[in-house]
Amino acid sequence: MNNKAQAAGYAMAFMLAVTAIILALAFAKPVNEITTDSMNATNSIGEVGGMDCNNSSISDFQKAGCLVSDMGQGFFIGGIMAIAGMIIAARVIFG
């Protein structure tokens, strides 16, 4: 492959990775709001129905649900960031 085509391939991979990073950052706030609403006893508009994770007398099953809900936010955003890193790494390794 000539140098111009190779440079275009790297530029395309970089653009896809930057797009994935911007997508992750754009999703960070809505995912945080959804997680916070699900973990509180009342959500942001005053409706009751969350998991009430601040209550110390909830069952172990509910505590596990709160923990998974809290960790899921980081895993979701981190997964999108990891995909961006894989795009760049795949282009460098296999390019």
Protein backbone atom coordinates (compact mmCIF):
# COMPACT_ATOMS: atom_id res chain seq x y z
CA MET A 1 0.00 0.00 0.00
CA ASN A 2 1.35 3.45 -0.82
CA ASN A 3 1.94 6.10 1.82
CA LYS A 4 -1.11 8.22 0.95
CA ALA A 5 -3.51 5.30 1.30
CA GLN A 6 -1.86 4.22 4.52
CA ALA A 7 -2.15 7.74 5.96
CA ALA A 8 -5.81 7.87 4.97
CA GLY A 9 -6.40 4.56 6.77
CA TYR A 10 -4.79 5.86 9.95
CA ALA A 11 -6.80 9.08 9.71
CA MET A 12 -10.03 7.12 9.29
CA ALA A 13 -9.27 4.90 12.29
CA PHE A 14 -8.41 7.96 14.37
CA MET A 15 -11.67 9.67 13.37
CA LEU A 16 -13.69 6.58 14.31
CA ALA A 17 -11.93 6.38 17.67
CA VAL A 18 -12.51 10.07 18.39
CA THR A 19 -16.16 9.61 17.46
CA ALA A 20 -16.45 6.72 19.94
CA ILE A 21 -14.80 8.80 22.68
CA ILE A 22 -17.16 11.73 22.03
CA LEU A 23 -20.09 9.29 22.09
CA ALA A 24 -18.94 7.95 25.48
CA LEU A 25 -18.63 11.46 26.89
CA ALA A 26 -22.05 12.40 25.51
CA PHE A 27 -23.62 9.35 27.17
CA ALA A 28 -21.92 9.95 30.53
CA LYS A 29 -24.42 12.47 31.94
CA PRO A 30 -27.65 10.70 30.85
CA VAL A 31 -26.36 7.36 32.14
CA ASN A 32 -25.43 9.01 35.43
CA GLU A 33 -28.92 10.52 35.77
CA ILE A 34 -30.61 7.19 35.02
CA THR A 35 -28.40 5.40 37.54
CA THR A 36 -29.01 8.03 40.21
CA ASP A 37 -32.77 7.91 39.63
CA SER A 38 -32.83 4.13 39.90
CA MET A 39 -30.75 4.10 43.11
CA ASN A 40 -32.75 6.74 45.02
CA ALA A 41 -36.13 6.16 46.64
CA THR A 42 -37.67 8.95 44.53
CA ASN A 43 -36.51 10.00 41.08
CA SER A 44 -35.83 13.50 39.75
CA ILE A 45 -39.52 14.21 39.04
CA GLY A 46 -40.75 13.03 42.44
CA GLU A 47 -42.04 9.58 41.57
CA VAL A 48 -41.46 6.79 44.09
CA GLY A 49 -40.07 3.53 42.78
CA GLY A 50 -36.30 3.47 43.02
CA MET A 51 -34.20 0.90 44.88
CA ASP A 52 -33.65 3.17 47.92
CA CYS A 53 -29.95 2.36 48.15
CA ASN A 54 -29.36 4.91 50.95
CA ASN A 55 -31.55 2.86 53.32
CA SER A 56 -29.41 0.73 55.64
CA SER A 57 -32.16 -1.83 56.30
CA ILE A 58 -32.57 -3.13 52.74
CA SER A 59 -31.91 -6.79 51.98
CA ASP A 60 -28.63 -8.16 50.70
CA PHE A 61 -30.29 -8.80 47.35
CA GLN A 62 -31.22 -5.13 47.05
CA LYS A 63 -27.72 -4.09 48.14
CA ALA A 64 -26.29 -6.26 45.38
CA GLY A 65 -28.67 -4.64 42.91
CA CYS A 66 -27.49 -1.21 44.03
CA LEU A 67 -23.86 -2.25 43.64
CA VAL A 68 -24.40 -3.65 40.16
CA SER A 69 -26.33 -0.55 39.13
CA ASP A 70 -23.53 1.67 40.42
CA MET A 71 -20.80 -0.36 38.70
CA GLY A 72 -22.72 -0.64 35.44
CA GLN A 73 -22.33 3.05 34.73
CA GLY A 74 -18.54 2.86 34.73
CA PHE A 75 -18.50 -0.36 32.76
CA PHE A 76 -20.77 1.10 30.07
CA ILE A 77 -18.69 4.25 29.56
CA GLY A 78 -15.44 2.31 29.96
CA GLY A 79 -16.59 -0.22 27.38
CA ILE A 80 -17.20 2.48 24.80
CA MET A 81 -13.77 3.96 25.57
CA ALA A 82 -12.23 0.48 25.23
CA ILE A 83 -13.83 0.11 21.80
CA ALA A 84 -12.21 3.40 20.78
CA GLY A 85 -8.85 2.10 21.97
CA MET A 86 -9.34 -1.16 20.08
CA ILE A 87 -10.05 0.74 16.87
CA ILE A 88 -6.74 2.58 17.15
CA ALA A 89 -4.81 -0.51 18.24
CA ALA A 90 -6.25 -2.64 15.44
CA ARG A 91 -5.24 -0.06 12.87
CA VAL A 92 -1.71 0.20 14.24
CA ILE A 93 -1.22 -3.59 14.59
CA PHE A 94 -2.97 -4.78 11.44
CA GLY A 95 -2.55 -1.63 9.35
